[in-house]
Amino acid sequence: MPSDKDDGGWKRFVWNSEKSEFLGRTGSSWFKILLFYVIFYGCLAGIFIGTIQALLLTLSDYKPTWQDRVSPPGLTHTPRSDKTEMSFNLNDLETYLTYTKNLRDFLAKYDDDLQRDQMKYEDCGDEPAEYKNRGDLESDIGIRKACRFSRSALGPCSGLEDPYFGFKEGKPCIVVKLNRIVNFRPKPPLTNDSIPEDAQYKVQSNVVPLYCTNKREEDAGKVGEVRYFGIGQGFPLQYYPYYGKLLHPQYLQPLVAIQFVNLTMNMELRIDCRVYGENIGYSEKDRYQGRFDLKIQVNSL
């Protein structure tokens, strides 16, 4: 008998036929509480959506709202490798095949055939020049043209004549670029005070210079001659500023090719490359901010 009473208790709570109640509430009571929560959460959703819309009104589709704490651009190179180490045997094609493939893939978008459209690209000169002003980011000009950059400017590192980019002869090439920052204008150094004495000859107007040397003192004299290829052997100013993906979809960064023509064989060497500019600094926390270092070993045995 107690079991029957218990069963009747919970059944009556679920549905009380005498009072027409479901789970202790009548239909009108359920309607009122549901209506309350619909209105309550609808107001919360409206406040949230209104706040987001008000925030979006303060943002631009083309220009970052805050750039006062943007770090200087990173300096990166191709081919990239694990732990910034590049090692190969000049007598074994398989050891450097990945490096040459990375270079070919990266440079493919710089093919002249892809830059023939006069509506998207324009010639900006073969010599360093001043910044190319294409209007403000918020102007009504629309999509901007991009400066052409021919692979042939990279000389023997272009891959046009040597598909192995010097690796086959033990004279490897790497291609260097400055990472993109919207509306950033790199400034060449005003004086030689911040530049190593050996690199001061590279300072010229309208170009941000790049210089590579041995990182460790014990590697002095073992890196050998370093050759630079590109417009002004650095980053020419006419390719800046960058207007972003929406306004500058065809933008091509200027490149600098570096060829190590006389590396000491069968020895790991540490090479430090830096770009020098008035508004470009370095950070110990970010090894690619304005610089990078590379371990390279060319084996001949």
Protein backbone atom coordinates (compact mmCIF):
# COMPACT_ATOMS: atom_id res chain seq x y z
CA MET A 1 0.00 0.00 0.00
CA PRO A 2 2.73 2.62 0.77
CA SER A 3 4.25 1.89 -2.65
CA ASP A 4 0.93 2.65 -4.35
CA LYS A 5 0.65 5.95 -2.48
CA ASP A 6 4.15 6.92 -3.50
CA ASP A 7 3.42 6.09 -7.10
CA GLY A 8 0.29 8.13 -6.98
CA GLY A 9 2.21 11.07 -5.49
CA TRP A 10 4.77 11.46 -8.26
CA LYS A 11 2.24 10.71 -10.96
CA ARG A 12 -0.05 13.37 -9.56
CA PHE A 13 2.88 15.83 -9.53
CA VAL A 14 3.62 15.18 -13.17
CA TRP A 15 -0.02 15.55 -14.17
CA ASN A 16 -2.79 16.54 -11.79
CA SER A 17 -6.01 15.91 -13.67
CA GLU A 18 -8.14 17.51 -10.94
CA LYS A 19 -6.37 20.90 -11.22
CA SER A 20 -5.12 20.50 -14.80
CA GLU A 21 -1.53 21.07 -13.64
CA PHE A 22 1.64 19.85 -15.31
CA LEU A 23 4.64 19.67 -12.99
CA GLY A 24 2.81 21.82 -10.47
CA ARG A 25 1.77 24.59 -12.88
CA THR A 26 -1.32 25.29 -14.90
CA GLY A 27 -1.17 26.08 -18.60
CA SER A 28 -1.54 29.81 -18.03
CA SER A 29 1.23 29.73 -15.41
CA TRP A 30 3.59 27.98 -17.84
CA PHE A 31 2.71 30.50 -20.55
CA LYS A 32 3.46 33.46 -18.30
CA ILE A 33 6.84 32.15 -17.12
CA LEU A 34 7.90 31.20 -20.66
CA LEU A 35 6.84 34.62 -21.94
CA PHE A 36 8.87 36.26 -19.16
CA TYR A 37 12.05 34.38 -20.06
CA VAL A 38 11.59 34.98 -23.79
CA ILE A 39 11.35 38.73 -23.16
CA PHE A 40 14.18 38.65 -20.59
CA TYR A 41 16.69 36.79 -22.79
CA GLY A 42 15.52 38.70 -25.85
CA CYS A 43 16.44 41.96 -24.09
CA LEU A 44 19.84 40.52 -23.12
CA ALA A 45 20.46 39.44 -26.71
CA GLY A 46 19.39 42.88 -27.96
CA ILE A 47 21.78 44.63 -25.57
CA PHE A 48 24.63 42.32 -26.63
CA ILE A 49 23.95 42.79 -30.36
CA GLY A 50 23.59 46.56 -29.91
CA THR A 51 26.94 46.72 -28.05
CA ILE A 52 28.71 44.74 -30.79
CA GLN A 53 27.16 46.92 -33.51
CA ALA A 54 28.20 50.09 -31.70
CA LEU A 55 31.75 48.71 -31.43
CA LEU A 56 31.83 47.79 -35.13
CA LEU A 57 30.86 51.37 -36.03
CA THR A 58 34.15 52.53 -34.50
CA LEU A 59 36.21 50.08 -36.61
CA SER A 60 37.41 50.51 -40.15
CA ASP A 61 37.42 47.78 -42.77
CA TYR A 62 40.72 49.07 -44.09
CA LYS A 63 42.71 50.70 -41.30
CA PRO A 64 43.62 49.21 -37.90
CA THR A 65 42.17 51.37 -35.12
CA TRP A 66 45.23 51.05 -32.90
CA GLN A 67 48.77 50.78 -34.24
CA ASP A 68 50.67 52.53 -31.47
CA ARG A 69 51.97 49.23 -30.08
CA VAL A 70 52.62 47.41 -33.35
CA SER A 71 56.06 45.81 -33.36
CA PRO A 72 58.48 46.41 -36.22
CA PRO A 73 58.05 43.92 -39.05
CA GLY A 74 59.53 40.47 -38.89
CA LEU A 75 62.31 39.45 -41.22
CA THR A 76 61.77 35.99 -42.67
CA HIS A 77 63.45 33.83 -45.23
CA THR A 78 62.74 31.05 -47.69
CA PRO A 79 63.42 28.18 -47.58
CA ARG A 80 62.28 27.76 -44.00
CA SER A 81 63.52 24.78 -42.05
CA ASP A 82 63.06 23.15 -38.69
CA LYS A 83 64.89 25.01 -35.92
CA THR A 84 66.25 27.44 -38.54
CA GLU A 85 68.79 24.84 -39.60
CA MET A 86 69.74 24.18 -43.21
CA SER A 87 72.03 21.27 -43.94
CA PHE A 88 72.66 19.44 -47.20
CA ASN A 89 75.22 17.51 -49.20
CA LEU A 90 76.01 19.08 -52.56
CA ASN A 91 76.62 15.59 -53.98
CA ASP A 92 73.17 14.30 -52.95
CA LEU A 93 70.19 15.87 -54.71
CA GLU A 94 67.71 14.46 -52.20
CA THR A 95 69.27 16.43 -49.32
CA TYR A 96 68.43 19.80 -50.87
CA LEU A 97 65.43 18.97 -53.05
CA THR A 98 63.01 20.26 -50.38
CA TYR A 99 64.84 23.58 -50.18
CA THR A 100 64.78 24.18 -53.94
CA LYS A 101 61.11 23.20 -54.13
CA ASN A 102 60.24 25.69 -51.40
CA LEU A 103 62.03 28.42 -53.30
CA ARG A 104 60.29 27.58 -56.59
CA ASP A 105 56.87 27.50 -54.92
CA PHE A 106 57.48 30.79 -53.14
CA LEU A 107 58.75 32.61 -56.24
CA ALA A 108 55.99 31.28 -58.52
CA LYS A 109 53.71 34.24 -57.70
CA TYR A 110 56.47 36.59 -58.88
CA ASP A 111 56.43 35.21 -62.43
CA ASP A 112 56.22 37.98 -65.03
CA ASP A 113 53.24 36.33 -66.72
CA LEU A 114 51.16 36.85 -63.59
CA GLN A 115 51.93 40.58 -63.47
CA ARG A 116 50.87 41.65 -66.97
CA ASP A 117 47.41 42.99 -66.06
CA GLN A 118 47.67 46.79 -66.41
CA MET A 119 44.64 47.28 -64.19
CA LYS A 120 46.27 45.49 -61.27
CA TYR A 121 50.00 46.15 -61.63
CA GLU A 122 52.24 49.06 -62.52
CA ASP A 123 55.95 49.57 -63.05
CA CYS A 124 57.62 51.32 -60.15
CA GLY A 125 61.16 51.44 -61.49
CA ASP A 126 64.26 49.30 -61.35
CA GLU A 127 66.02 51.63 -58.90
CA PRO A 128 65.06 52.56 -55.32
CA ALA A 129 62.60 55.45 -55.19
CA GLU A 130 60.42 57.29 -52.68
CA TYR A 131 57.24 55.90 -51.15
CA LYS A 132 54.43 55.25 -53.63
CA ASN A 133 51.49 57.27 -52.33
CA ARG A 134 48.17 55.76 -53.43
CA GLY A 135 45.90 57.84 -51.20
CA ASP A 136 44.54 57.38 -47.70
CA LEU A 137 43.19 54.07 -46.51
CA GLU A 138 39.74 55.61 -45.98
CA SER A 139 39.56 57.31 -49.38
CA ASP A 140 37.17 56.32 -52.16
CA ILE A 141 39.91 55.28 -54.58
CA GLY A 142 39.16 51.60 -54.07
CA ILE A 143 41.54 48.78 -54.91
CA ARG A 144 45.12 49.96 -55.43
CA LYS A 145 47.56 48.79 -58.03
CA ALA A 146 50.62 46.84 -56.95
CA CYS A 147 54.19 47.44 -58.01
CA ARG A 148 55.61 44.77 -60.25
CA PHE A 149 58.58 42.83 -58.94
CA SER A 150 60.39 40.71 -61.49
CA ARG A 151 62.15 37.53 -60.45
CA SER A 152 65.00 38.48 -62.76
CA ALA A 153 66.02 41.13 -60.20
CA LEU A 154 67.21 38.27 -57.98
CA GLY A 155 69.93 37.33 -60.45
CA PRO A 156 71.30 33.78 -60.07
CA CYS A 157 68.91 33.24 -57.15
CA SER A 158 65.80 33.78 -59.29
CA GLY A 159 65.60 30.14 -60.38
CA LEU A 160 65.13 31.24 -63.98
CA GLU A 161 68.51 29.97 -65.12
CA ASP A 162 69.56 27.73 -62.26
CA PRO A 163 66.71 25.52 -61.02
CA TYR A 164 68.85 24.43 -58.08
CA PHE A 165 69.41 27.98 -56.73
CA GLY A 166 73.13 27.36 -56.27
CA PHE A 167 72.69 24.37 -53.97
CA LYS A 168 74.21 21.99 -56.52
CA GLU A 169 77.49 23.96 -56.50
CA GLY A 170 77.52 24.49 -52.74
CA LYS A 171 76.55 28.17 -53.17
CA PRO A 172 73.03 28.19 -51.70
CA CYS A 173 70.57 31.05 -52.05
CA ILE A 174 67.92 32.19 -49.60
CA VAL A 175 65.21 34.77 -50.33
CA VAL A 176 64.37 37.33 -47.64
CA LYS A 177 61.30 39.50 -47.13
CA LEU A 178 59.88 41.93 -44.59
CA ASN A 179 56.52 40.85 -43.23
CA ARG A 180 53.53 42.98 -44.15
CA ILE A 181 52.13 45.63 -41.81
CA VAL A 182 49.25 47.79 -43.01
CA ASN A 183 50.26 51.42 -43.63
CA PHE A 184 53.79 50.83 -42.33
CA ARG A 185 56.57 52.86 -43.92
CA PRO A 186 60.05 51.51 -43.17
CA LYS A 187 62.56 54.33 -42.84
CA PRO A 188 66.18 54.02 -43.96
CA PRO A 189 68.77 54.78 -41.26
CA LEU A 190 69.58 58.48 -40.91
CA THR A 191 73.15 57.87 -39.75
CA ASN A 192 75.66 55.04 -39.68
CA ASP A 193 75.84 54.99 -35.86
CA SER A 194 73.54 51.97 -35.51
CA ILE A 195 75.08 50.03 -38.38
CA PRO A 196 78.17 47.79 -38.17
CA GLU A 197 81.16 49.27 -39.91
CA ASP A 198 81.27 46.45 -42.46
CA ALA A 199 77.66 47.17 -43.45
CA GLN A 200 77.84 50.95 -43.75
CA TYR A 201 78.63 50.79 -47.45
CA LYS A 202 75.11 49.46 -48.05
CA VAL A 203 73.42 52.65 -46.79
CA GLN A 204 71.77 54.59 -49.60
CA SER A 205 68.69 56.74 -50.09
CA ASN A 206 65.23 55.22 -50.57
CA VAL A 207 66.22 51.69 -49.57
CA VAL A 208 66.27 49.82 -46.26
CA PRO A 209 69.54 47.85 -46.22
CA LEU A 210 70.01 44.21 -45.32
CA TYR A 211 73.28 42.72 -44.09
CA CYS A 212 74.35 39.22 -43.08
CA THR A 213 77.48 38.18 -41.22
CA ASN A 214 78.78 35.48 -38.89
CA LYS A 215 76.97 35.29 -35.56
CA ARG A 216 79.79 33.64 -33.62
CA GLU A 217 83.29 35.02 -33.40
CA GLU A 218 84.78 31.62 -34.15
CA ASP A 219 83.00 31.65 -37.52
CA ALA A 220 84.75 34.85 -38.64
CA GLY A 221 86.30 34.30 -42.06
CA LYS A 222 84.44 31.00 -42.57
CA VAL A 223 81.22 32.43 -43.99
CA GLY A 224 83.04 33.84 -46.97
CA GLU A 225 81.59 36.22 -49.53
CA VAL A 226 77.90 37.07 -49.28
CA ARG A 227 76.19 38.44 -52.38
CA TYR A 228 72.90 40.37 -52.39
CA PHE A 229 70.44 40.59 -55.28
CA GLY A 230 67.35 42.74 -55.61
CA ILE A 231 66.43 46.37 -56.20
CA GLY A 232 69.14 48.32 -54.40
CA GLN A 233 70.17 45.08 -52.66
CA GLY A 234 67.60 45.94 -49.98
CA PHE A 235 63.95 46.86 -49.56
CA PRO A 236 63.09 49.86 -51.81
CA LEU A 237 60.60 52.39 -50.46
CA GLN A 238 58.37 52.54 -53.57
CA TYR A 239 56.80 49.23 -52.50
CA TYR A 240 55.44 50.83 -49.34
CA PRO A 241 53.00 51.36 -47.76
CA TYR A 242 50.93 48.21 -47.92
CA TYR A 243 47.17 48.92 -47.95
CA GLY A 244 45.87 45.57 -46.68
CA LYS A 245 44.21 42.57 -48.29
CA LEU A 246 40.99 44.38 -49.26
CA LEU A 247 42.63 47.38 -50.96
CA HIS A 248 45.89 45.75 -52.06
CA PRO A 249 44.99 42.15 -52.99
CA GLN A 250 47.74 41.85 -55.64
CA TYR A 251 50.50 43.32 -53.48
CA LEU A 252 53.96 41.81 -53.92
CA GLN A 253 56.57 42.38 -51.25
CA PRO A 254 60.02 43.37 -52.47
CA LEU A 255 62.54 40.58 -52.07
CA VAL A 256 66.25 40.33 -51.43
CA ALA A 257 68.14 37.22 -52.46
CA ILE A 258 71.26 36.27 -50.53
CA GLN A 259 73.84 33.88 -51.94
CA PHE A 260 76.66 32.40 -49.90
CA VAL A 261 79.33 31.73 -52.49
CA ASN A 262 82.27 30.55 -50.38
CA LEU A 263 81.05 28.77 -47.26
CA THR A 264 83.52 26.59 -45.37
CA MET A 265 82.49 23.03 -46.10
CA ASN A 266 81.62 20.29 -43.60
CA MET A 267 81.17 22.74 -40.73
CA GLU A 268 78.10 24.21 -39.04
CA LEU A 269 78.06 27.99 -39.34
CA ARG A 270 75.81 30.51 -37.59
CA ILE A 271 74.77 33.45 -39.75
CA ASP A 272 73.00 36.57 -38.49
CA CYS A 273 70.98 38.72 -40.92
CA ARG A 274 69.51 42.09 -39.99
CA VAL A 275 67.63 44.87 -41.69
CA TYR A 276 68.59 48.38 -40.62
CA GLY A 277 66.10 51.21 -40.38
CA GLU A 278 65.19 54.18 -38.23
CA ASN A 279 61.90 52.59 -37.14
CA ILE A 280 63.05 48.96 -37.11
CA GLY A 281 64.27 47.48 -33.85
CA TYR A 282 65.15 44.09 -32.43
CA SER A 283 63.88 42.02 -29.55
CA GLU A 284 65.48 39.15 -27.67
CA LYS A 285 62.00 37.71 -27.18
CA ASP A 286 61.30 37.59 -30.91
CA ARG A 287 64.20 36.28 -32.97
CA TYR A 288 62.47 37.29 -36.23
CA GLN A 289 61.81 40.94 -35.35
CA GLY A 290 63.95 42.81 -37.84
CA ARG A 291 66.43 39.94 -37.97
CA PHE A 292 66.95 36.19 -38.07
CA ASP A 293 69.81 33.81 -37.54
CA LEU A 294 70.42 30.69 -39.54
CA LYS A 295 72.47 27.56 -38.98
CA ILE A 296 73.86 26.30 -42.26
CA GLN A 297 76.13 23.40 -43.10
CA VAL A 298 77.26 22.35 -46.56
CA ASN A 299 78.73 18.86 -46.73
CA SER A 300 80.93 17.70 -49.56
CA LEU A 301 81.95 14.26 -48.22
